[in-house]
Amino acid sequence: MAVNRVISVIIVNFNGGELLTESVRSVLASTVPVTVHVIDNASQDDSLQILQQAIKHDKRVQIIKNADNLGFARAANLALPYTTGEYLLFLNPDCLICPDTLALFAETMDKYPQAGMAGGLVLNPDGSEQAGGRRCIPTPWRTLVRVFHLDKLFPNSKRFKSFVLTGQPLPENPLEIEGISGACMFVRRTALETVGPMDEAYFLHCEDLDWFMRFRAQRFTILFIPDIEVVHVKGVCSRNQPIITLWYKHRGMVRFYRKFFRHQYPRLLFVCVILAVWVRFGLLTISTLIRSE
């Protein structure tokens, strides 16, 4: 049965270019009523102008312009008072959905009343599955396993499993999972009101991991729905600032570990994890600088 109720879609934009308009258009083409709330973090490109010319005076679209880049979580939270939907979709401006995506999300969530949020099969533009669309929480131990490639050294060991589940066979039905892609999070409003909005202390990256932990702490499940496909043109908004993006990502990871795992691990191991995070940041920065020359 088709879902005939308004779904609120929140899109935080920063230099999304023409993809922002494509993303909004894909949402407006949905088979269910929608409102779209675009929060612009002081973009320096013409993405907003392109969008405004494309949508004209479509009353379903609200644009909020920030004078400064407030980061993802803070900007997304700004839109919450303007939303009315029973369900909300937090969507990146470089993501494209199908006309029936929102209806399928809502219909599935209706069948799983304990589910607080859900994600779909996130694809690269070439149709391959994107890493991070289905994953376990990257605990300090799992992070060490991934950083030092222990999962590849011991491929048959359960102790050294990677937290990235991409490449495993797709389930036939919706599956309870620890983490989905932060690029496309379909959230039940009543669950959000219980858990609270995203932690604004994260500027970019890891606010989704924080949310997953808090949802599960409140006994809400997170669903991965394999029948829903979302195309994510990854890296569009951060392509001109790769090192700054890496900095925020790794700083966010350190905050995430300190917030949730500081007292669960021996001090020495925890310090090693933090050092591994910053070593990884340094190596990726050097690699990025070399490629840019």
Protein backbone atom coordinates (compact mmCIF):
# COMPACT_ATOMS: atom_id res chain seq x y z
CA MET A 1 0.00 0.00 0.00
CA ALA A 2 1.39 3.40 -0.94
CA VAL A 3 2.30 5.75 1.83
CA ASN A 4 0.37 9.01 1.49
CA ARG A 5 1.90 11.33 4.04
CA VAL A 6 4.48 14.06 3.94
CA ILE A 7 8.13 13.07 4.35
CA SER A 8 10.64 15.78 5.25
CA VAL A 9 13.98 15.69 3.45
CA ILE A 10 16.97 17.59 4.87
CA ILE A 11 19.91 18.35 2.57
CA VAL A 12 23.00 20.17 3.86
CA ASN A 13 24.84 21.77 0.96
CA PHE A 14 28.39 23.03 0.62
CA ASN A 15 29.58 23.64 -2.94
CA GLY A 16 27.39 20.86 -4.30
CA GLY A 17 27.38 22.28 -7.81
CA GLU A 18 24.78 21.02 -10.28
CA LEU A 19 24.39 17.80 -8.30
CA LEU A 20 22.48 19.67 -5.62
CA THR A 21 19.75 20.47 -8.14
CA GLU A 22 19.75 16.90 -9.45
CA SER A 23 19.41 15.61 -5.90
CA VAL A 24 16.51 17.94 -5.07
CA ARG A 25 14.79 17.07 -8.34
CA SER A 26 15.07 13.36 -7.58
CA VAL A 27 13.37 14.00 -4.23
CA LEU A 28 10.62 16.16 -5.74
CA ALA A 29 9.85 13.35 -8.19
CA SER A 30 8.92 11.06 -5.28
CA THR A 31 5.63 9.18 -5.33
CA VAL A 32 4.78 10.51 -1.86
CA PRO A 33 4.31 14.12 -0.66
CA VAL A 34 7.59 15.74 0.39
CA THR A 35 9.07 18.90 1.79
CA VAL A 36 12.71 19.63 1.02
CA HIS A 37 14.83 21.72 3.38
CA VAL A 38 18.15 22.80 1.85
CA ILE A 39 20.58 24.29 4.36
CA ASP A 40 23.51 25.96 2.65
CA ASN A 41 26.76 26.28 4.58
CA ALA A 42 28.02 29.46 2.90
CA SER A 43 28.79 27.78 -0.43
CA GLN A 44 31.25 29.57 -2.64
CA ASP A 45 30.04 28.06 -5.92
CA ASP A 46 26.82 28.64 -7.88
CA SER A 47 24.96 25.59 -6.56
CA LEU A 48 22.22 27.65 -4.88
CA GLN A 49 21.68 29.86 -7.92
CA ILE A 50 21.32 26.81 -10.16
CA LEU A 51 18.83 25.28 -7.72
CA GLN A 52 16.75 28.45 -7.42
CA GLN A 53 16.51 28.80 -11.18
CA ALA A 54 15.46 25.16 -11.51
CA ILE A 55 12.78 25.02 -8.83
CA LYS A 56 11.41 28.54 -9.45
CA HIS A 57 8.88 29.09 -6.66
CA ASP A 58 8.18 25.49 -5.68
CA LYS A 59 6.62 25.80 -2.23
CA ARG A 60 7.80 22.34 -1.29
CA VAL A 61 11.40 23.60 -1.13
CA GLN A 62 12.79 25.73 1.68
CA ILE A 63 16.29 27.21 1.45
CA ILE A 64 18.17 28.30 4.56
CA LYS A 65 21.36 30.26 3.93
CA ASN A 66 24.02 30.25 6.63
CA ALA A 67 26.51 33.10 6.74
CA ASP A 68 29.28 30.66 7.73
CA ASN A 69 30.03 26.99 7.33
CA LEU A 70 28.48 25.55 10.48
CA GLY A 71 29.35 21.94 9.78
CA PHE A 72 27.00 19.11 8.91
CA ALA A 73 25.32 18.30 12.23
CA ARG A 74 24.65 21.88 13.27
CA ALA A 75 23.29 22.81 9.84
CA ALA A 76 21.04 19.75 9.66
CA ASN A 77 19.68 20.44 13.13
CA LEU A 78 18.72 23.96 12.05
CA ALA A 79 16.11 22.50 9.71
CA LEU A 80 14.38 20.34 12.32
CA PRO A 81 11.93 23.00 13.62
CA TYR A 82 10.65 23.50 10.06
CA THR A 83 9.95 19.83 9.37
CA THR A 84 6.57 18.20 9.88
CA GLY A 85 7.00 14.68 8.54
CA GLU A 86 6.52 11.51 10.56
CA TYR A 87 9.72 10.41 8.83
CA LEU A 88 12.77 12.47 7.87
CA LEU A 89 15.45 11.73 5.30
CA PHE A 90 18.91 13.20 5.84
CA LEU A 91 20.38 13.18 2.34
CA ASN A 92 23.71 14.37 0.99
CA PRO A 93 23.51 16.86 -1.91
CA ASP A 94 25.43 14.42 -4.11
CA CYS A 95 22.91 11.60 -3.65
CA LEU A 96 20.18 10.64 -6.11
CA ILE A 97 17.11 8.64 -5.16
CA CYS A 98 14.39 6.91 -7.20
CA PRO A 99 10.73 8.03 -7.28
CA ASP A 100 9.64 5.14 -5.05
CA THR A 101 12.56 5.36 -2.58
CA LEU A 102 10.77 7.33 0.12
CA ALA A 103 7.61 5.23 -0.14
CA LEU A 104 9.64 2.03 0.21
CA PHE A 105 11.52 3.43 3.20
CA ALA A 106 8.29 4.41 4.97
CA GLU A 107 6.49 1.17 4.16
CA THR A 108 9.41 -0.87 5.49
CA MET A 109 9.77 1.20 8.64
CA ASP A 110 6.05 0.80 9.29
CA LYS A 111 6.64 -2.97 9.40
CA TYR A 112 9.51 -2.59 11.88
CA PRO A 113 8.16 -0.29 14.62
CA GLN A 114 11.30 -0.66 16.74
CA ALA A 115 13.51 0.61 13.92
CA GLY A 116 14.70 4.16 14.58
CA MET A 117 16.41 4.66 11.25
CA ALA A 118 17.17 2.88 8.01
CA GLY A 119 19.53 3.03 5.07
CA GLY A 120 19.62 1.47 1.65
CA LEU A 121 22.13 0.01 -0.76
CA VAL A 122 24.42 2.94 -1.54
CA LEU A 123 25.99 2.68 -4.99
CA ASN A 124 28.80 4.40 -6.81
CA PRO A 125 27.89 5.98 -10.18
CA ASP A 126 29.25 2.85 -11.92
CA GLY A 127 26.75 0.67 -10.05
CA SER A 128 29.21 -0.91 -7.62
CA GLU A 129 28.43 -0.98 -3.90
CA GLN A 130 29.99 1.90 -2.01
CA ALA A 131 32.02 1.14 1.11
CA GLY A 132 30.30 2.27 4.31
CA GLY A 133 26.74 1.65 3.23
CA ARG A 134 26.55 -1.28 5.62
CA ARG A 135 29.04 -1.61 8.41
CA CYS A 136 29.74 -2.41 12.01
CA ILE A 137 30.64 0.34 14.45
CA PRO A 138 34.39 1.02 14.10
CA THR A 139 35.36 0.34 17.69
CA PRO A 140 38.99 1.05 18.66
CA TRP A 141 39.88 -2.63 18.16
CA ARG A 142 38.19 -2.81 14.76
CA THR A 143 39.98 0.37 13.74
CA LEU A 144 43.36 -1.11 14.61
CA VAL A 145 42.45 -4.19 12.59
CA ARG A 146 41.60 -2.06 9.56
CA VAL A 147 44.52 0.39 9.86
CA PHE A 148 47.07 -2.43 10.05
CA HIS A 149 45.20 -4.64 7.54
CA LEU A 150 44.94 -7.48 10.05
CA ASP A 151 41.74 -8.60 8.36
CA LYS A 152 43.79 -9.37 5.24
CA LEU A 153 46.56 -11.09 7.19
CA PHE A 154 44.03 -13.28 9.01
CA PRO A 155 41.09 -13.54 6.57
CA ASN A 156 39.50 -16.53 8.31
CA SER A 157 39.63 -15.15 11.83
CA LYS A 158 36.49 -13.73 13.40
CA ARG A 159 38.64 -11.67 15.76
CA PHE A 160 40.21 -9.77 12.88
CA LYS A 161 37.08 -8.98 10.87
CA SER A 162 36.84 -5.55 9.24
CA PHE A 163 33.96 -3.29 10.24
CA VAL A 164 33.19 -2.67 6.56
CA LEU A 165 30.66 -5.23 5.32
CA THR A 166 30.79 -4.25 1.65
CA GLY A 167 31.42 -7.28 -0.52
CA GLN A 168 29.50 -9.70 1.66
CA PRO A 169 26.41 -11.29 0.06
CA LEU A 170 23.40 -8.99 0.17
CA PRO A 171 20.60 -10.10 2.48
CA GLU A 172 17.26 -10.94 0.92
CA ASN A 173 15.28 -8.97 3.50
CA PRO A 174 15.79 -5.88 5.69
CA LEU A 175 18.54 -6.60 8.17
CA GLU A 176 19.28 -5.12 11.58
CA ILE A 177 22.77 -3.64 11.41
CA GLU A 178 25.11 -1.47 13.49
CA GLY A 179 25.72 1.27 10.93
CA ILE A 180 24.51 2.58 7.58
CA SER A 181 25.75 5.35 5.30
CA GLY A 182 25.51 8.84 6.75
CA ALA A 183 24.82 10.08 3.23
CA CYS A 184 21.27 8.70 3.35
CA MET A 185 19.61 8.23 6.74
CA PHE A 186 15.85 7.69 6.93
CA VAL A 187 14.80 8.53 10.49
CA ARG A 188 11.62 8.03 12.48
CA ARG A 189 10.67 11.33 14.13
CA THR A 190 9.53 9.80 17.43
CA ALA A 191 12.89 8.03 17.70
CA LEU A 192 14.76 11.26 16.96
CA GLU A 193 12.79 13.04 19.66
CA THR A 194 13.79 10.33 22.14
CA VAL A 195 17.45 10.15 21.16
CA GLY A 196 17.96 13.83 20.41
CA PRO A 197 19.49 15.55 17.36
CA MET A 198 23.00 14.97 16.03
CA ASP A 199 25.89 16.07 18.26
CA GLU A 200 26.98 19.47 16.95
CA ALA A 201 30.47 19.10 18.42
CA TYR A 202 31.31 17.09 15.30
CA PHE A 203 31.97 19.43 12.39
CA LEU A 204 32.12 16.90 9.56
CA HIS A 205 32.09 13.09 9.69
CA CYS A 206 31.45 10.75 12.64
CA GLU A 207 28.26 12.51 13.76
CA ASP A 208 26.47 9.60 12.08
CA LEU A 209 28.46 7.02 14.08
CA ASP A 210 27.64 8.95 17.24
CA TRP A 211 23.95 8.85 16.31
CA PHE A 212 24.04 5.10 15.62
CA MET A 213 25.47 4.49 19.08
CA ARG A 214 22.86 6.67 20.75
CA PHE A 215 19.94 5.15 18.81
CA ARG A 216 21.02 1.66 19.76
CA ALA A 217 21.56 2.72 23.38
CA GLN A 218 17.89 3.71 23.43
CA ARG A 219 17.01 0.26 22.05
CA PHE A 220 16.10 1.47 18.57
CA THR A 221 17.30 -0.77 15.77
CA ILE A 222 18.96 0.36 12.55
CA LEU A 223 17.86 -1.30 9.32
CA PHE A 224 19.74 -1.98 6.10
CA ILE A 225 17.20 -2.35 3.28
CA PRO A 226 18.84 -4.02 0.26
CA ASP A 227 15.95 -3.34 -2.12
CA ILE A 228 16.41 0.44 -1.89
CA GLU A 229 19.20 1.78 -4.08
CA VAL A 230 20.76 5.23 -3.70
CA VAL A 231 23.47 6.61 -5.99
CA HIS A 232 26.14 8.60 -4.14
CA VAL A 233 28.61 10.64 -6.20
CA LYS A 234 31.08 10.70 -3.32
CA GLY A 235 33.48 13.56 -2.71
CA VAL A 236 31.78 16.32 -4.71
CA CYS A 237 31.49 18.78 -1.82
CA SER A 238 34.97 18.13 -0.43
CA ARG A 239 37.03 17.84 -3.61
CA ASN A 240 38.49 21.35 -3.30
CA GLN A 241 39.46 20.91 0.36
CA PRO A 242 40.67 17.30 0.70
CA ILE A 243 43.15 17.88 3.53
CA ILE A 244 40.72 19.96 5.60
CA THR A 245 38.14 17.23 5.12
CA LEU A 246 40.63 14.61 6.27
CA TRP A 247 41.39 16.74 9.34
CA TYR A 248 37.75 16.99 10.37
CA LYS A 249 37.19 13.29 9.72
CA HIS A 250 40.05 12.19 11.93
CA ARG A 251 39.32 14.78 14.62
CA GLY A 252 35.75 13.52 14.67
CA MET A 253 36.96 9.95 15.05
CA VAL A 254 39.06 10.91 18.06
CA ARG A 255 36.05 12.60 19.66
CA PHE A 256 33.90 9.56 18.92
CA TYR A 257 36.36 7.20 20.61
CA ARG A 258 36.78 9.41 23.65
CA LYS A 259 33.04 9.81 24.04
CA PHE A 260 32.07 6.14 23.83
CA PHE A 261 35.12 3.94 24.44
CA ARG A 262 37.54 5.81 26.68
CA HIS A 263 36.67 3.78 29.77
CA GLN A 264 36.13 0.45 27.98
CA TYR A 265 39.72 -0.15 26.91
CA PRO A 266 43.06 -0.30 28.73
CA ARG A 267 44.73 3.09 28.70
CA LEU A 268 47.73 1.92 26.66
CA LEU A 269 45.55 0.37 23.96
CA PHE A 270 43.39 3.48 23.82
CA VAL A 271 46.45 5.71 23.41
CA CYS A 272 47.67 3.44 20.61
CA VAL A 273 44.33 3.80 18.86
CA ILE A 274 44.45 7.60 19.02
CA LEU A 275 48.02 7.57 17.74
CA ALA A 276 46.98 5.24 14.90
CA VAL A 277 44.23 7.67 13.91
CA TRP A 278 46.67 10.58 13.64
CA VAL A 279 49.30 8.48 11.89
CA ARG A 280 46.67 7.55 9.34
CA PHE A 281 45.79 11.24 8.94
CA GLY A 282 49.45 12.07 8.32
CA LEU A 283 49.92 9.33 5.76
CA LEU A 284 46.75 10.24 3.88
CA THR A 285 47.73 13.91 3.91
CA ILE A 286 51.14 13.13 2.42
CA SER A 287 49.51 10.91 -0.21
CA THR A 288 47.04 13.67 -1.08
CA LEU A 289 49.80 16.26 -1.43
CA ILE A 290 51.83 13.97 -3.69
CA ARG A 291 48.84 13.31 -5.95
CA SER A 292 48.09 17.02 -6.24
CA GLU A 293 51.57 17.88 -7.52
